[in-house]
Amino acid sequence: MGGERFDAISSVGMFEHVGKVRTARYFETLHGLLLPGGRLLNHAISEVGGSRLTPWSFFGRYVFPTASFSMSPMSFWPWNRRLRVP
């Protein structure tokens, strides 16, 4: 991004495609792109206990083929600590 920083970032529909392995880097990147006091909207689809989508369903195959819906907000808390919730 060429060193740009932003006062607000909106991430809609991205988190479910990041995966558990890249969760830390995802939040570190977002945090690094925010100006001090900046705001983050992280919108994601999730389901308690994980997704019931099968790889053979239409949505599992064509809409969310790489998605992970089993991550609760607490699952990314260690990486999210520096982001303040108002």
Foldseek 3Di string as FASTA:
>chain_A
DVQAAALEDEAAACVQQCDPVRLLVVLVVNVSRYDVNHYYHYHHAADDPWDPDDCPDPCCVPVCVRGTRHDDPVSSCVSCVVPDDD
